[in-house]
Structure formats: structure tokens, C-alpha cells
Amino acid sequence: MKRYVSYLRVSTDKQGREGYGVGAQREAVANYLNGGKWELLREFVEVESGRKKDRPELAAALSFCKLTKSTLIVAKLDRLARNVAFVSSLMESGVDFVAVDFPEANKLTVHILAAVAEHEAGMISTRTKAALAAARTRGVKLGNPNLTNEARSAGRVARAMKSDEDAKRVKPIIEGLRLQGMGLRETARELNRQGIRTPLGKDWTATAVKNAMARW
């Protein structure tokens, strides 16, 4: 009989109090484990931001997994972490894990995804600072509710740059699927199956795939 320990995470106090997201995660875990011989030993719920390294409930869950030789199970891959340093500690713990929405993922996969997420966060910060600095240089008064056309233009440029980078990030994956003969809808369906989301964190559609390809 295989033993599991579930880890559920919500990112705000309101979600933690009112249960937003927790019920859906719990149901996803239960559906995944439905069938076969298994035992869910314990459930850990974290109310915390995915960007923070200090997550006591997850640390407790990992310790409990090591103690009971259990597998950590999460409903969504992004519930593990979006920080390379944390993922490194997960890998060093030696705890096996499974993500319901991406069961094929392994520790290397998670490490790569975390590195990409951290890089993107840094790029967003850099672009934002650069856009603000350029606006100041042109004399734009930041914080003014009556934004000038120049300020709006700077914002549009920054958003366009991010969209281009996001499209290039998924280019190898989409190209690989297209080479397998998949159409736009099939490609979108496979991206969603693999747990890959659009830059806005939404499910892929045929239109979203087409728009991403247009930015290459």
C-alpha cells in the first residue's frame, strides 16, 4: 500500500479563511488517488505566497514524508514553489512527489520550471524599472492619474516586450507538438494536459496558440 501526504496551498488569508481553492485542490487529489491501494496519512494546508522561501507547513509536510516514507502529493505543480532555492531544498530532501495536473513531472522538471519562473519575475522587475526610468527622463510625472500618451506608450511597449518573451519561451514546446502533426486545437489541448499555462495563467486555446506563434 502506497502512502501519501497531501499539501494544499492558498496564497491569501481570505482564501485560507473562506476555503477558496482548498476544496478544489482536495477534490483533485482525491480523484487522482481514486482506485488502487493507497493511504492518505495527513493533509497540510499552507496560507502563504508561492514566492516566499519560508513555508512552515510545507517544511512540516516534507519532514512527515521522510518520517513515514510517504510521497508528497499536490493538486497543481505551481503549488510546490516558484523559487529555485526552495526547489533545491526539495530535491535535497529526497522526498518523492507527484503533481496531479502534471504527473509526468520529476524533480529536474520542477527545478527547470522554477528557474524559468524566477527568471521571468526578474525580467518583469527590470522592464518595469526601465520603463519608469525612461518615463521620468521624458518628464512624465509618475502617479498622476491623468497619464500622458507618452506614459501609456511606455507601458504598452513594456507589455509587448513581455508578450514576445513569453511567446519565445513556449516556442520549442509548440514547435515540437506541431512537428508531430498536431493542429492548433490539439496543440492547445496538449499544453493544457502538460500543465503549461499561457502568460496570463489561463488555459490554452487554438487562438492563444496562433497568437503566440505570430510573435516568433
Protein backbone atom coordinates (compact mmCIF):
# COMPACT_ATOMS: atom_id res chain seq x y z
CA MET A 1 0.00 0.00 0.00
CA LYS A 2 1.49 3.32 -1.08
CA ARG A 3 1.24 6.17 1.38
CA TYR A 4 0.71 9.82 0.54
CA VAL A 5 0.82 13.17 2.29
CA SER A 6 -1.11 16.00 0.60
CA TYR A 7 0.00 19.61 0.55
CA LEU A 8 -2.60 22.28 -0.26
CA ARG A 9 -1.68 25.93 -0.60
CA VAL A 10 -3.67 29.14 -0.82
CA SER A 11 -1.97 32.48 -1.28
CA THR A 12 -4.12 34.84 0.83
CA ASP A 13 -5.56 34.92 4.31
CA LYS A 14 -9.03 35.36 2.81
CA GLN A 15 -8.64 32.20 0.78
CA GLY A 16 -7.44 30.40 3.90
CA ARG A 17 -10.40 31.57 5.99
CA GLU A 18 -13.07 31.04 3.39
CA GLY A 19 -11.56 27.94 1.80
CA TYR A 20 -11.21 29.33 -1.74
CA GLY A 21 -9.17 26.88 -3.73
CA VAL A 22 -8.61 24.36 -0.94
CA GLY A 23 -11.74 22.36 -1.71
CA ALA A 24 -10.87 22.13 -5.39
CA GLN A 25 -7.33 21.01 -4.60
CA ARG A 26 -8.55 18.43 -2.11
CA GLU A 27 -11.02 17.06 -4.67
CA ALA A 28 -8.32 16.87 -7.36
CA VAL A 29 -6.07 14.86 -5.04
CA ALA A 30 -8.93 12.52 -4.09
CA ASN A 31 -9.82 11.95 -7.74
CA TYR A 32 -6.21 11.19 -8.62
CA LEU A 33 -5.91 8.66 -5.81
CA ASN A 34 -9.24 7.04 -6.58
CA GLY A 35 -8.53 3.35 -7.14
CA GLY A 36 -5.72 1.01 -6.15
CA LYS A 37 -4.18 0.52 -2.75
CA TRP A 38 -3.19 3.76 -1.11
CA GLU A 39 -3.47 5.64 2.16
CA LEU A 40 -3.57 9.39 2.68
CA LEU A 41 -1.79 9.79 6.01
CA ARG A 42 -2.13 13.50 6.53
CA GLU A 43 -3.04 16.82 4.93
CA PHE A 44 -1.09 20.05 5.29
CA VAL A 45 -2.62 23.40 4.34
CA GLU A 46 -0.45 26.48 3.81
CA VAL A 47 -1.65 30.09 3.65
CA GLU A 48 1.35 31.67 2.03
CA SER A 49 2.75 33.30 -1.07
CA GLY A 50 4.40 30.94 -3.54
CA ARG A 51 7.34 33.34 -3.84
CA LYS A 52 8.42 33.04 -0.21
CA LYS A 53 11.04 30.55 0.88
CA ASP A 54 9.81 30.27 4.47
CA ARG A 55 6.82 27.96 4.26
CA PRO A 56 6.48 26.08 7.57
CA GLU A 57 3.59 23.82 6.55
CA LEU A 58 5.46 22.56 3.52
CA ALA A 59 8.58 22.03 5.60
CA ALA A 60 6.46 20.04 8.05
CA ALA A 61 4.93 18.05 5.21
CA LEU A 62 8.36 17.16 3.85
CA SER A 63 9.56 16.11 7.29
CA PHE A 64 6.46 13.97 7.76
CA CYS A 65 7.02 12.35 4.36
CA LYS A 66 10.59 11.47 5.30
CA LEU A 67 9.48 10.10 8.65
CA THR A 68 6.73 7.92 7.18
CA LYS A 69 8.44 7.21 3.83
CA SER A 70 5.44 8.72 2.05
CA THR A 71 5.01 10.53 -1.25
CA LEU A 72 4.12 14.23 -1.26
CA ILE A 73 1.11 14.94 -3.49
CA VAL A 74 -0.07 18.36 -4.71
CA ALA A 75 -3.00 19.27 -6.93
CA LYS A 76 -1.10 21.79 -9.06
CA LEU A 77 2.56 21.92 -9.93
CA ASP A 78 2.84 25.63 -9.11
CA ARG A 79 1.84 24.84 -5.51
CA LEU A 80 5.33 23.45 -4.92
CA ALA A 81 7.31 26.63 -5.43
CA ARG A 82 8.32 29.40 -7.78
CA ASN A 83 11.74 29.82 -6.26
CA VAL A 84 14.93 27.98 -7.26
CA ALA A 85 16.37 27.99 -3.72
CA PHE A 86 13.28 26.29 -2.34
CA VAL A 87 13.15 23.69 -5.10
CA SER A 88 16.79 22.89 -4.38
CA SER A 89 15.87 22.15 -0.77
CA LEU A 90 13.03 19.92 -2.01
CA MET A 91 15.44 17.97 -4.18
CA GLU A 92 17.93 17.64 -1.33
CA SER A 93 15.21 16.32 0.99
CA GLY A 94 14.96 13.16 -1.08
CA VAL A 95 11.16 13.17 -0.82
CA ASP A 96 9.23 11.77 -3.77
CA PHE A 97 6.36 13.87 -5.04
CA VAL A 98 3.58 13.80 -7.60
CA ALA A 99 1.59 16.67 -9.10
CA VAL A 100 -1.96 15.76 -10.10
CA ASP A 101 -2.03 18.16 -13.07
CA PHE A 102 1.42 17.06 -14.30
CA PRO A 103 2.10 13.50 -13.10
CA GLU A 104 4.98 13.09 -15.57
CA ALA A 105 6.97 15.82 -13.84
CA ASN A 106 10.09 14.89 -11.90
CA LYS A 107 12.49 16.84 -9.71
CA LEU A 108 14.50 18.06 -12.69
CA THR A 109 11.34 19.28 -14.41
CA VAL A 110 10.29 21.26 -11.35
CA HIS A 111 13.77 22.74 -10.98
CA ILE A 112 13.73 23.94 -14.59
CA LEU A 113 10.22 25.41 -14.28
CA ALA A 114 11.19 27.19 -11.07
CA ALA A 115 14.30 28.63 -12.72
CA VAL A 116 12.21 29.93 -15.62
CA ALA A 117 9.64 31.44 -13.24
CA GLU A 118 12.34 33.17 -11.20
CA HIS A 119 14.00 34.49 -14.35
CA GLU A 120 10.68 35.85 -15.63
CA ALA A 121 10.00 37.58 -12.31
CA GLY A 122 13.40 39.25 -12.51
CA MET A 123 12.84 40.32 -16.12
CA ILE A 124 9.45 41.82 -15.26
CA SER A 125 11.03 43.83 -12.46
CA THR A 126 13.85 45.01 -14.73
CA ARG A 127 11.45 46.03 -17.52
CA THR A 128 9.21 47.90 -15.08
CA LYS A 129 12.13 49.84 -13.61
CA ALA A 130 13.47 50.67 -17.08
CA ALA A 131 10.06 51.88 -18.27
CA LEU A 132 9.63 54.06 -15.20
CA ALA A 133 13.15 55.50 -15.56
CA ALA A 134 12.52 56.30 -19.22
CA ALA A 135 9.25 57.98 -18.32
CA ARG A 136 10.97 60.11 -15.67
CA THR A 137 13.66 61.11 -18.18
CA ARG A 138 10.96 62.36 -20.53
CA GLY A 139 9.42 64.38 -17.73
CA VAL A 140 6.43 62.17 -17.07
CA LYS A 141 5.02 62.69 -13.58
CA LEU A 142 4.52 59.22 -12.20
CA GLY A 143 1.48 58.66 -10.01
CA ASN A 144 -0.53 61.27 -11.89
CA PRO A 145 -3.99 59.81 -12.65
CA ASN A 146 -4.06 61.83 -15.87
CA LEU A 147 -1.38 59.81 -17.64
CA THR A 148 0.12 61.28 -20.79
CA ASN A 149 0.11 59.46 -24.09
CA GLU A 150 3.86 59.02 -23.71
CA ALA A 151 3.44 57.20 -20.39
CA ARG A 152 0.76 54.96 -21.83
CA SER A 153 3.01 54.23 -24.79
CA ALA A 154 5.86 53.21 -22.48
CA GLY A 155 3.50 50.83 -20.70
CA ARG A 156 2.35 49.31 -23.97
CA VAL A 157 5.95 48.78 -25.07
CA ALA A 158 6.80 47.02 -21.81
CA ARG A 159 3.76 44.74 -22.11
CA ALA A 160 4.58 43.95 -25.73
CA MET A 161 8.16 43.03 -24.78
CA LYS A 162 6.89 40.66 -22.12
CA SER A 163 4.42 39.06 -24.51
CA ASP A 164 7.19 38.49 -27.05
CA GLU A 165 9.42 36.86 -24.43
CA ASP A 166 6.60 34.65 -23.16
CA ALA A 167 5.85 33.51 -26.72
CA LYS A 168 9.50 32.62 -27.31
CA ARG A 169 9.59 30.69 -24.04
CA VAL A 170 6.98 28.21 -25.25
CA LYS A 171 8.21 28.20 -28.85
CA PRO A 172 10.24 24.93 -28.59
CA ILE A 173 7.30 23.10 -27.00
CA ILE A 174 4.75 24.32 -29.54
CA GLU A 175 7.09 23.63 -32.44
CA GLY A 176 7.63 20.08 -31.20
CA LEU A 177 3.89 19.45 -31.00
CA ARG A 178 3.29 20.96 -34.42
CA LEU A 179 6.01 18.74 -35.91
CA GLN A 180 4.05 15.78 -34.59
CA GLY A 181 1.22 16.86 -36.87
CA MET A 182 -0.95 18.47 -34.20
CA GLY A 183 -3.31 21.26 -35.22
CA LEU A 184 -3.90 24.41 -33.20
CA ARG A 185 -6.64 22.83 -31.08
CA GLU A 186 -4.65 19.65 -30.47
CA THR A 187 -1.60 21.70 -29.51
CA ALA A 188 -3.65 23.75 -27.06
CA ARG A 189 -5.13 20.59 -25.57
CA GLU A 190 -1.68 19.03 -25.10
CA LEU A 191 -0.24 22.18 -23.50
CA ASN A 192 -3.09 22.17 -21.01
CA ARG A 193 -2.60 18.46 -20.34
CA GLN A 194 1.05 19.08 -19.52
CA GLY A 195 0.11 21.79 -17.02
CA ILE A 196 1.61 24.60 -19.11
CA ARG A 197 -0.33 27.85 -18.87
CA THR A 198 -0.50 30.97 -21.01
CA PRO A 199 1.39 34.09 -19.85
CA LEU A 200 -1.85 35.20 -18.16
CA GLY A 201 -2.09 31.90 -16.30
CA LYS A 202 -5.07 30.67 -18.32
CA ASP A 203 -5.77 27.53 -20.33
CA TRP A 204 -4.53 27.45 -23.90
CA THR A 205 -6.95 27.78 -26.80
CA ALA A 206 -6.35 27.47 -30.53
CA THR A 207 -6.39 31.27 -30.76
CA ALA A 208 -3.84 31.63 -27.96
CA VAL A 209 -1.51 29.18 -29.73
CA LYS A 210 -1.92 31.07 -33.01
CA ASN A 211 -1.20 34.42 -31.30
CA ALA A 212 1.92 33.02 -29.62
CA MET A 213 3.23 31.70 -32.94
CA ALA A 214 2.63 35.10 -34.55
CA ARG A 215 5.09 36.66 -32.07
CA TRP A 216 8.05 34.45 -33.02
